[in-house]
N, C-alpha and C. Protein backbone atom coordinates (compact mmCIF):
# COMPACT_ATOMS: atom_id res chain seq x y z
N UNK A 1 -39.54 53.75 -15.35
CA UNK A 1 -38.52 52.83 -15.51
C UNK A 1 -38.22 52.14 -14.29
N UNK A 2 -38.08 50.92 -14.22
CA UNK A 2 -37.82 50.11 -13.01
C UNK A 2 -36.44 49.97 -12.72
N UNK A 3 -36.17 49.87 -11.43
CA UNK A 3 -34.54 49.75 -10.98
C UNK A 3 -34.07 48.30 -11.32
N UNK A 4 -32.90 48.14 -11.57
CA UNK A 4 -32.36 46.90 -11.89
C UNK A 4 -32.58 45.93 -10.64
N UNK A 5 -32.83 44.69 -11.01
CA UNK A 5 -32.98 43.71 -9.96
C UNK A 5 -31.54 43.38 -9.43
N UNK A 6 -31.48 43.41 -8.10
CA UNK A 6 -30.13 43.16 -7.39
C UNK A 6 -29.71 41.72 -7.62
N UNK A 7 -30.61 40.78 -7.93
CA UNK A 7 -30.27 39.36 -8.11
C UNK A 7 -29.85 39.10 -9.51
N UNK A 8 -29.83 40.08 -10.36
CA UNK A 8 -29.49 39.95 -11.81
C UNK A 8 -27.93 39.55 -11.79
N UNK A 9 -27.59 38.51 -12.53
CA UNK A 9 -26.21 38.11 -12.67
C UNK A 9 -25.77 38.75 -14.05
N UNK A 10 -24.64 39.44 -14.04
CA UNK A 10 -24.07 39.99 -15.26
C UNK A 10 -22.82 39.19 -15.54
N UNK A 11 -22.83 38.48 -16.67
CA UNK A 11 -21.72 37.86 -17.13
C UNK A 11 -20.80 38.54 -18.05
N UNK A 12 -19.48 38.51 -17.94
CA UNK A 12 -18.77 39.23 -18.93
C UNK A 12 -18.86 38.65 -20.24
N UNK A 13 -18.67 39.35 -21.30
CA UNK A 13 -18.86 38.88 -22.63
C UNK A 13 -17.70 37.81 -22.74
N UNK A 14 -17.98 36.68 -23.42
CA UNK A 14 -16.97 35.64 -23.52
C UNK A 14 -15.89 36.07 -24.57
N UNK A 15 -14.81 35.60 -24.39
CA UNK A 15 -13.72 35.80 -25.39
C UNK A 15 -13.98 34.83 -26.57
N UNK A 16 -14.58 35.45 -27.68
CA UNK A 16 -15.05 34.56 -28.82
C UNK A 16 -14.03 33.73 -29.36
N UNK A 17 -12.81 34.17 -29.53
CA UNK A 17 -11.70 33.38 -30.13
C UNK A 17 -11.49 32.11 -29.23
N UNK A 18 -11.45 32.49 -27.98
CA UNK A 18 -11.08 31.27 -27.04
C UNK A 18 -12.26 30.29 -26.95
N UNK A 19 -13.50 30.86 -26.89
CA UNK A 19 -14.68 30.04 -26.98
C UNK A 19 -14.66 29.25 -28.25
N UNK A 20 -14.41 29.79 -29.41
CA UNK A 20 -14.56 29.03 -30.60
C UNK A 20 -13.52 27.96 -30.66
N UNK A 21 -12.21 28.17 -30.03
CA UNK A 21 -11.28 27.14 -30.02
C UNK A 21 -11.73 25.99 -29.19
N UNK A 22 -12.24 26.38 -28.01
CA UNK A 22 -12.75 25.38 -27.06
C UNK A 22 -13.84 24.43 -27.74
N UNK A 23 -14.73 25.22 -28.43
CA UNK A 23 -15.95 24.53 -29.14
C UNK A 23 -15.49 23.55 -30.19
N UNK A 24 -14.50 24.08 -30.91
CA UNK A 24 -14.00 23.16 -32.11
C UNK A 24 -13.38 21.89 -31.47
N UNK A 25 -12.61 22.09 -30.36
CA UNK A 25 -11.96 20.91 -29.87
C UNK A 25 -12.88 19.95 -29.12
N UNK A 26 -13.89 20.59 -28.53
CA UNK A 26 -14.97 19.78 -27.88
C UNK A 26 -15.75 18.95 -28.89
N UNK A 27 -16.18 19.63 -29.94
CA UNK A 27 -17.00 18.98 -31.02
C UNK A 27 -16.19 17.74 -31.67
N UNK A 28 -14.86 17.99 -31.86
CA UNK A 28 -14.02 17.00 -32.38
C UNK A 28 -13.93 15.78 -31.41
N UNK A 29 -13.90 16.09 -30.01
CA UNK A 29 -13.94 15.00 -29.09
C UNK A 29 -15.20 14.30 -29.23
N UNK A 30 -16.23 15.04 -29.19
CA UNK A 30 -17.66 14.55 -29.17
C UNK A 30 -18.05 13.68 -30.37
N UNK A 31 -17.35 13.99 -31.53
CA UNK A 31 -17.60 13.16 -32.80
C UNK A 31 -16.90 11.92 -32.64
N UNK A 32 -15.78 11.85 -31.88
CA UNK A 32 -15.06 10.68 -31.77
C UNK A 32 -15.65 9.67 -30.72
N UNK A 33 -16.20 10.27 -29.67
CA UNK A 33 -16.78 9.46 -28.51
C UNK A 33 -17.86 10.29 -27.84
N UNK A 34 -19.02 10.35 -28.26
CA UNK A 34 -20.15 11.03 -27.64
C UNK A 34 -20.39 10.76 -26.25
N UNK A 35 -20.56 11.73 -25.43
CA UNK A 35 -20.94 11.68 -24.06
C UNK A 35 -21.97 12.77 -23.67
N UNK A 36 -22.86 12.34 -22.84
CA UNK A 36 -23.97 13.30 -22.45
C UNK A 36 -23.42 14.51 -21.75
N UNK A 37 -22.37 14.39 -20.94
CA UNK A 37 -21.85 15.61 -20.33
C UNK A 37 -21.19 16.50 -21.15
N UNK A 38 -20.40 15.98 -22.16
CA UNK A 38 -19.74 16.89 -23.10
C UNK A 38 -20.81 17.55 -24.04
N UNK A 39 -21.74 16.76 -24.45
CA UNK A 39 -22.86 17.31 -25.26
C UNK A 39 -23.59 18.38 -24.56
N UNK A 40 -23.96 18.30 -23.31
CA UNK A 40 -24.53 19.32 -22.59
C UNK A 40 -23.74 20.58 -22.45
N UNK A 41 -22.43 20.42 -22.24
CA UNK A 41 -21.55 21.50 -22.12
C UNK A 41 -21.44 22.30 -23.42
N UNK A 42 -21.24 21.56 -24.61
CA UNK A 42 -21.28 22.14 -25.87
C UNK A 42 -22.55 22.92 -26.14
N UNK A 43 -23.69 22.44 -25.90
CA UNK A 43 -24.83 23.18 -25.98
C UNK A 43 -25.00 24.37 -25.17
N UNK A 44 -24.51 24.31 -24.01
CA UNK A 44 -24.54 25.53 -23.04
C UNK A 44 -23.65 26.51 -23.68
N UNK A 45 -22.38 26.23 -24.18
CA UNK A 45 -21.48 27.18 -24.67
C UNK A 45 -21.97 27.74 -25.98
N UNK A 46 -22.78 27.07 -26.77
CA UNK A 46 -23.11 27.46 -28.07
C UNK A 46 -24.73 28.02 -28.00
N UNK A 47 -25.27 28.06 -26.84
CA UNK A 47 -26.54 28.46 -26.60
C UNK A 47 -26.90 29.92 -27.26
N UNK A 48 -25.75 30.76 -27.41
CA UNK A 48 -26.05 32.06 -27.88
C UNK A 48 -26.45 31.99 -29.43
N UNK A 49 -26.05 30.85 -30.09
CA UNK A 49 -26.63 30.67 -31.49
C UNK A 49 -28.16 30.51 -31.45
N UNK A 50 -28.67 29.67 -30.55
CA UNK A 50 -30.06 29.51 -30.48
C UNK A 50 -30.82 30.76 -30.04
N UNK A 51 -30.15 31.51 -29.17
CA UNK A 51 -30.88 32.75 -28.69
C UNK A 51 -30.92 33.76 -29.90
N UNK A 52 -29.80 33.88 -30.65
CA UNK A 52 -29.82 34.76 -31.81
C UNK A 52 -30.77 34.28 -32.85
N UNK A 53 -30.88 33.00 -33.07
CA UNK A 53 -31.84 32.51 -34.05
C UNK A 53 -33.40 32.89 -33.63
N UNK A 54 -33.66 32.62 -32.39
CA UNK A 54 -35.03 32.78 -31.83
C UNK A 54 -35.34 34.26 -31.87
N UNK A 55 -34.41 35.21 -31.56
CA UNK A 55 -34.67 36.70 -31.66
C UNK A 55 -35.12 37.02 -33.09
N UNK A 56 -34.58 36.45 -34.18
CA UNK A 56 -35.04 36.81 -35.37
C UNK A 56 -36.49 36.60 -35.64
N UNK A 57 -37.20 35.69 -35.02
CA UNK A 57 -38.56 35.50 -35.18
C UNK A 57 -39.42 36.05 -34.19
N UNK A 58 -38.94 36.88 -33.24
CA UNK A 58 -39.64 37.28 -32.07
C UNK A 58 -40.93 38.28 -32.50
N UNK A 59 -40.87 38.84 -33.59
CA UNK A 59 -41.96 39.63 -34.06
C UNK A 59 -43.00 39.03 -34.77
N UNK A 60 -43.14 37.73 -34.58
CA UNK A 60 -44.21 36.96 -35.43
C UNK A 60 -45.36 36.45 -34.59
N UNK A 61 -45.51 36.85 -33.37
CA UNK A 61 -46.63 36.58 -32.46
C UNK A 61 -46.46 35.32 -31.65
N UNK A 62 -45.25 34.79 -31.70
CA UNK A 62 -45.16 33.50 -30.83
C UNK A 62 -44.24 34.02 -29.55
N UNK A 63 -44.46 33.40 -28.43
CA UNK A 63 -43.66 33.68 -27.27
C UNK A 63 -42.30 33.41 -27.41
N UNK A 64 -41.36 34.31 -26.99
CA UNK A 64 -39.89 34.13 -27.12
C UNK A 64 -39.47 32.69 -26.52
N UNK A 65 -40.04 32.40 -25.40
CA UNK A 65 -39.53 31.27 -24.72
C UNK A 65 -39.85 29.91 -25.71
N UNK A 66 -40.97 29.96 -26.28
CA UNK A 66 -41.31 28.83 -27.22
C UNK A 66 -40.27 28.82 -28.45
N UNK A 67 -40.04 30.02 -28.92
CA UNK A 67 -39.09 30.07 -30.03
C UNK A 67 -37.64 29.73 -29.56
N UNK A 68 -37.32 30.00 -28.31
CA UNK A 68 -36.00 29.57 -27.97
C UNK A 68 -35.87 28.06 -27.67
N UNK A 69 -37.01 27.44 -27.24
CA UNK A 69 -37.03 26.02 -27.08
C UNK A 69 -36.85 25.26 -28.47
N UNK A 70 -37.57 25.89 -29.53
CA UNK A 70 -37.46 25.30 -30.79
C UNK A 70 -36.05 25.60 -31.36
N UNK A 71 -35.45 26.61 -31.11
CA UNK A 71 -34.00 26.99 -31.52
C UNK A 71 -33.19 26.07 -30.88
N UNK A 72 -33.33 25.76 -29.66
CA UNK A 72 -32.35 24.86 -28.83
C UNK A 72 -32.47 23.45 -29.43
N UNK A 73 -33.67 23.06 -29.79
CA UNK A 73 -33.83 21.76 -30.51
C UNK A 73 -32.98 21.72 -31.66
N UNK A 74 -33.08 22.74 -32.48
CA UNK A 74 -32.16 22.83 -33.70
C UNK A 74 -30.71 22.85 -33.37
N UNK A 75 -30.30 23.45 -32.18
CA UNK A 75 -28.90 23.44 -31.71
C UNK A 75 -28.55 22.00 -31.44
N UNK A 76 -29.37 21.24 -30.74
CA UNK A 76 -29.15 19.95 -30.22
C UNK A 76 -28.97 19.08 -31.48
N UNK A 77 -29.72 19.23 -32.51
CA UNK A 77 -29.67 18.52 -33.71
C UNK A 77 -28.32 18.67 -34.46
N UNK A 78 -28.01 19.98 -34.34
CA UNK A 78 -26.67 20.40 -35.08
C UNK A 78 -25.51 19.84 -34.40
N UNK A 79 -25.53 19.78 -33.06
CA UNK A 79 -24.42 19.13 -32.29
C UNK A 79 -24.33 17.69 -32.59
N UNK A 80 -25.46 16.97 -32.61
CA UNK A 80 -25.55 15.52 -32.89
C UNK A 80 -25.05 15.17 -34.26
N UNK A 81 -25.37 16.04 -35.29
CA UNK A 81 -25.07 15.79 -36.63
C UNK A 81 -23.75 16.35 -37.20
N UNK A 82 -23.10 17.21 -36.44
CA UNK A 82 -21.95 17.86 -36.90
C UNK A 82 -20.75 16.97 -37.15
N UNK A 83 -20.09 17.14 -38.20
CA UNK A 83 -18.88 16.42 -38.57
C UNK A 83 -17.83 17.36 -38.63
N UNK A 84 -16.85 17.41 -37.69
CA UNK A 84 -15.68 18.39 -37.88
C UNK A 84 -14.75 18.07 -38.98
N UNK A 85 -14.76 16.93 -39.37
CA UNK A 85 -13.78 16.49 -40.46
C UNK A 85 -14.04 17.10 -41.78
N UNK A 86 -15.23 17.67 -41.92
CA UNK A 86 -15.53 18.40 -43.23
C UNK A 86 -15.05 19.74 -43.28
N UNK A 87 -14.43 20.27 -42.17
CA UNK A 87 -13.74 21.63 -42.12
C UNK A 87 -14.66 22.83 -42.19
N UNK A 88 -15.94 22.60 -41.83
CA UNK A 88 -16.90 23.76 -41.81
C UNK A 88 -17.03 24.16 -40.31
N UNK A 89 -16.94 25.51 -40.08
CA UNK A 89 -17.11 25.99 -38.66
C UNK A 89 -18.39 25.64 -38.17
N UNK A 90 -18.53 25.30 -36.95
CA UNK A 90 -19.82 24.88 -36.29
C UNK A 90 -20.93 25.94 -36.37
N UNK A 91 -20.51 27.16 -36.36
CA UNK A 91 -21.56 28.14 -36.40
C UNK A 91 -22.16 28.23 -37.76
N UNK A 92 -21.37 27.97 -38.73
CA UNK A 92 -21.91 28.05 -40.15
C UNK A 92 -22.76 26.84 -40.39
N UNK A 93 -22.60 25.72 -39.68
CA UNK A 93 -23.41 24.57 -39.73
C UNK A 93 -24.67 24.70 -38.93
N UNK A 94 -24.34 25.12 -37.75
CA UNK A 94 -25.52 25.23 -36.74
C UNK A 94 -26.67 26.19 -37.16
N UNK A 95 -26.30 27.38 -37.62
CA UNK A 95 -27.21 28.44 -38.00
C UNK A 95 -28.30 28.03 -38.85
N UNK A 96 -27.90 27.40 -40.08
CA UNK A 96 -29.06 26.91 -40.89
C UNK A 96 -29.87 25.86 -40.22
N UNK A 97 -29.30 25.09 -39.42
CA UNK A 97 -30.02 24.01 -38.76
C UNK A 97 -31.09 24.67 -37.87
N UNK A 98 -30.61 25.61 -37.09
CA UNK A 98 -31.58 26.26 -36.09
C UNK A 98 -32.60 27.02 -36.85
N UNK A 99 -32.26 27.73 -37.88
CA UNK A 99 -33.10 28.47 -38.59
C UNK A 99 -34.19 27.63 -39.30
N UNK A 100 -33.73 26.45 -39.80
CA UNK A 100 -34.76 25.52 -40.36
C UNK A 100 -35.72 24.93 -39.39
N UNK A 101 -35.22 24.67 -38.15
CA UNK A 101 -36.16 24.12 -37.18
C UNK A 101 -37.16 25.26 -36.74
N UNK A 102 -36.74 26.50 -36.72
CA UNK A 102 -37.74 27.60 -36.45
C UNK A 102 -38.76 27.74 -37.50
N UNK A 103 -38.27 27.71 -38.81
CA UNK A 103 -39.10 27.77 -40.00
C UNK A 103 -40.15 26.63 -39.94
N UNK A 104 -39.71 25.50 -39.69
CA UNK A 104 -40.53 24.29 -39.69
C UNK A 104 -41.70 24.42 -38.57
N UNK A 105 -41.20 25.02 -37.50
CA UNK A 105 -42.19 25.22 -36.34
C UNK A 105 -43.33 26.11 -36.90
N UNK A 106 -42.88 27.31 -37.54
CA UNK A 106 -43.90 28.21 -37.97
C UNK A 106 -44.78 27.52 -39.14
N UNK A 107 -44.15 26.66 -39.92
CA UNK A 107 -45.03 26.10 -40.99
C UNK A 107 -45.98 25.03 -40.40
N UNK A 108 -45.53 24.39 -39.46
CA UNK A 108 -46.28 23.16 -38.94
C UNK A 108 -47.18 23.55 -37.76
N UNK A 109 -46.93 24.59 -37.06
CA UNK A 109 -47.61 24.77 -35.70
C UNK A 109 -48.43 26.16 -35.68
N UNK A 110 -48.22 27.13 -36.59
CA UNK A 110 -48.82 28.40 -36.35
C UNK A 110 -49.90 28.71 -37.37
N UNK A 111 -50.50 27.89 -38.03
CA UNK A 111 -51.65 28.08 -38.95
C UNK A 111 -52.83 28.19 -38.10
N UNK A 112 -53.65 29.20 -38.34
CA UNK A 112 -54.94 29.32 -37.45
C UNK A 112 -55.99 28.29 -37.64
N UNK A 113 -55.95 27.67 -38.86
CA UNK A 113 -56.89 26.56 -39.13
C UNK A 113 -55.97 25.49 -39.60
N UNK A 114 -56.41 24.20 -39.35
CA UNK A 114 -55.61 23.05 -39.79
C UNK A 114 -55.65 22.98 -41.34
N UNK A 115 -54.47 22.84 -41.88
CA UNK A 115 -54.24 22.67 -43.29
C UNK A 115 -53.35 21.50 -43.49
N UNK A 116 -53.63 20.65 -44.39
CA UNK A 116 -52.78 19.41 -44.57
C UNK A 116 -51.41 19.80 -44.88
N UNK A 117 -50.43 19.01 -44.56
CA UNK A 117 -49.11 19.20 -44.97
C UNK A 117 -48.93 19.20 -46.52
N UNK A 118 -49.72 18.36 -47.14
CA UNK A 118 -49.66 18.27 -48.59
C UNK A 118 -50.10 19.62 -49.20
N UNK A 119 -51.10 20.22 -48.72
CA UNK A 119 -51.69 21.47 -49.18
C UNK A 119 -50.63 22.58 -48.99
N UNK A 120 -49.98 22.52 -47.83
CA UNK A 120 -48.98 23.61 -47.45
C UNK A 120 -47.80 23.55 -48.51
N UNK A 121 -47.43 22.28 -48.72
CA UNK A 121 -46.31 22.12 -49.67
C UNK A 121 -46.67 22.23 -51.13
N UNK A 122 -47.94 22.06 -51.50
CA UNK A 122 -48.22 22.32 -52.90
C UNK A 122 -48.63 23.75 -53.19
N UNK A 123 -49.07 24.53 -52.22
CA UNK A 123 -49.53 25.93 -52.40
C UNK A 123 -48.52 26.75 -53.18
N UNK A 124 -47.22 26.79 -52.87
CA UNK A 124 -46.28 27.60 -53.68
C UNK A 124 -46.14 27.14 -55.20
N UNK A 125 -46.31 25.83 -55.44
CA UNK A 125 -46.20 25.23 -56.81
C UNK A 125 -47.53 25.68 -57.54
N UNK A 126 -48.60 25.57 -56.84
CA UNK A 126 -49.90 26.01 -57.52
C UNK A 126 -49.93 27.55 -57.89
N UNK A 127 -49.41 28.37 -56.90
CA UNK A 127 -49.28 29.63 -57.27
C UNK A 127 -48.38 30.09 -58.42
N UNK A 128 -47.24 29.32 -58.57
CA UNK A 128 -46.30 29.53 -59.62
C UNK A 128 -46.86 29.08 -60.87
N UNK A 129 -47.54 27.94 -60.87
CA UNK A 129 -48.22 27.37 -62.13
C UNK A 129 -49.40 28.23 -62.50
N UNK A 130 -50.12 28.81 -61.63
CA UNK A 130 -51.26 29.60 -61.94
C UNK A 130 -50.70 30.95 -62.58
N UNK A 131 -49.58 31.49 -61.95
CA UNK A 131 -49.11 32.80 -62.64
C UNK A 131 -48.46 32.55 -64.07
N UNK A 132 -47.77 31.45 -64.15
CA UNK A 132 -47.16 31.05 -65.50
C UNK A 132 -48.33 30.81 -66.60
N UNK A 133 -49.44 30.10 -66.18
CA UNK A 133 -50.48 29.87 -67.05
C UNK A 133 -51.22 31.15 -67.36
N UNK A 134 -51.45 31.97 -66.43
CA UNK A 134 -52.10 33.25 -66.65
C UNK A 134 -51.31 34.19 -67.62
N UNK A 135 -49.98 34.14 -67.59
CA UNK A 135 -49.22 34.88 -68.55
C UNK A 135 -49.27 34.29 -69.92
N UNK A 136 -49.34 32.98 -70.10
CA UNK A 136 -49.39 32.33 -71.29
C UNK A 136 -50.69 32.40 -71.93
N UNK A 137 -51.88 32.28 -71.11
CA UNK A 137 -53.26 32.19 -71.70
C UNK A 137 -53.88 33.57 -71.70
N UNK A 138 -53.33 34.46 -71.00
CA UNK A 138 -54.01 35.87 -71.04
C UNK A 138 -55.14 35.86 -70.16
N UNK A 139 -55.41 34.92 -69.30
CA UNK A 139 -56.55 34.92 -68.45
C UNK A 139 -56.30 34.01 -67.23
N UNK A 140 -57.19 33.93 -66.18
CA UNK A 140 -56.95 33.05 -65.04
C UNK A 140 -57.07 31.72 -65.51
N UNK A 141 -56.16 30.76 -65.20
CA UNK A 141 -56.29 29.39 -65.56
C UNK A 141 -57.33 28.63 -64.75
N UNK A 142 -57.86 27.64 -65.32
CA UNK A 142 -58.87 26.79 -64.71
C UNK A 142 -58.05 25.88 -63.69
N UNK A 143 -58.79 25.39 -62.77
CA UNK A 143 -58.27 24.31 -61.79
C UNK A 143 -57.81 23.18 -62.60
N UNK A 144 -58.48 22.71 -63.57
CA UNK A 144 -58.06 21.56 -64.25
C UNK A 144 -56.75 21.79 -65.12
N UNK A 145 -56.58 22.97 -65.57
CA UNK A 145 -55.35 23.33 -66.30
C UNK A 145 -54.08 23.35 -65.26
N UNK A 146 -54.32 23.84 -64.04
CA UNK A 146 -53.23 23.86 -63.06
C UNK A 146 -52.88 22.44 -62.76
N UNK A 147 -53.94 21.63 -62.53
CA UNK A 147 -53.77 20.27 -62.11
C UNK A 147 -52.97 19.55 -63.14
N UNK A 148 -53.33 19.70 -64.44
CA UNK A 148 -52.61 19.06 -65.64
C UNK A 148 -51.14 19.41 -65.59
N UNK A 149 -50.89 20.74 -65.36
CA UNK A 149 -49.46 21.13 -65.38
C UNK A 149 -48.65 20.55 -64.24
N UNK A 150 -49.38 20.51 -63.02
CA UNK A 150 -48.63 19.91 -61.88
C UNK A 150 -48.73 18.37 -61.75
N UNK A 151 -49.55 17.80 -62.58
CA UNK A 151 -49.74 16.42 -62.60
C UNK A 151 -50.20 15.93 -61.22
N UNK A 152 -51.27 16.65 -60.76
CA UNK A 152 -51.93 16.25 -59.50
C UNK A 152 -53.40 16.40 -59.71
N UNK A 153 -54.31 15.82 -58.80
CA UNK A 153 -55.71 15.86 -58.97
C UNK A 153 -56.25 17.31 -58.77
N UNK A 154 -57.40 17.57 -59.29
CA UNK A 154 -57.98 18.86 -59.13
C UNK A 154 -58.43 19.08 -57.61
N UNK A 155 -58.80 18.11 -56.86
CA UNK A 155 -58.96 18.24 -55.52
C UNK A 155 -57.78 18.72 -54.64
N UNK A 156 -56.60 18.18 -55.02
CA UNK A 156 -55.46 18.68 -54.35
C UNK A 156 -55.15 20.23 -54.73
N UNK A 157 -55.37 20.59 -55.99
CA UNK A 157 -55.22 21.98 -56.42
C UNK A 157 -56.19 22.79 -55.53
N UNK A 158 -57.52 22.39 -55.57
CA UNK A 158 -58.44 23.21 -54.74
C UNK A 158 -58.07 23.29 -53.33
N UNK A 159 -57.66 22.21 -52.71
CA UNK A 159 -57.24 22.34 -51.27
C UNK A 159 -56.05 23.27 -51.08
N UNK A 160 -55.10 23.29 -52.05
CA UNK A 160 -53.99 24.19 -51.98
C UNK A 160 -54.38 25.63 -52.19
N UNK A 161 -55.33 25.89 -53.05
CA UNK A 161 -55.90 27.26 -53.28
C UNK A 161 -56.60 27.73 -52.08
N UNK A 162 -57.33 26.87 -51.31
CA UNK A 162 -58.03 27.22 -50.19
C UNK A 162 -57.14 27.49 -49.02
N UNK A 163 -56.00 26.86 -49.06
CA UNK A 163 -54.99 27.07 -47.86
C UNK A 163 -54.47 28.39 -47.87
């Protein structure tokens, strides 16, 4: 075990209620008159949401720093799109935005071979149609049957199956 680094800065845990009140007020001000400085401060204060989101994906083989950058991008989008007049707490709005950005990252950037976006999107539908047809027909469906059910070309079905 290594000794703690003397240069490590230990910050006391923030008072969550006080921080939430500040964040709500700052987001309200930002929605009425956006400014880069206020935006930066909001993001800095809400960075814990990005860290929490990135940690949920840390065991999937991607470096934590990359995941954190993606999560921070989601946080940035959440700050820019948040509407306090809807009465939703910022954390409840930001968390799905951050998680969606992380999931999009995995979907678009972590496939070991390039697969078209269309094939990635079609794959779950092909699998569902295949399972349904197999149950109805009592056998594995043909590519043409799956294509007919989904109203797509056979080439698209084949590409999704290969994906």
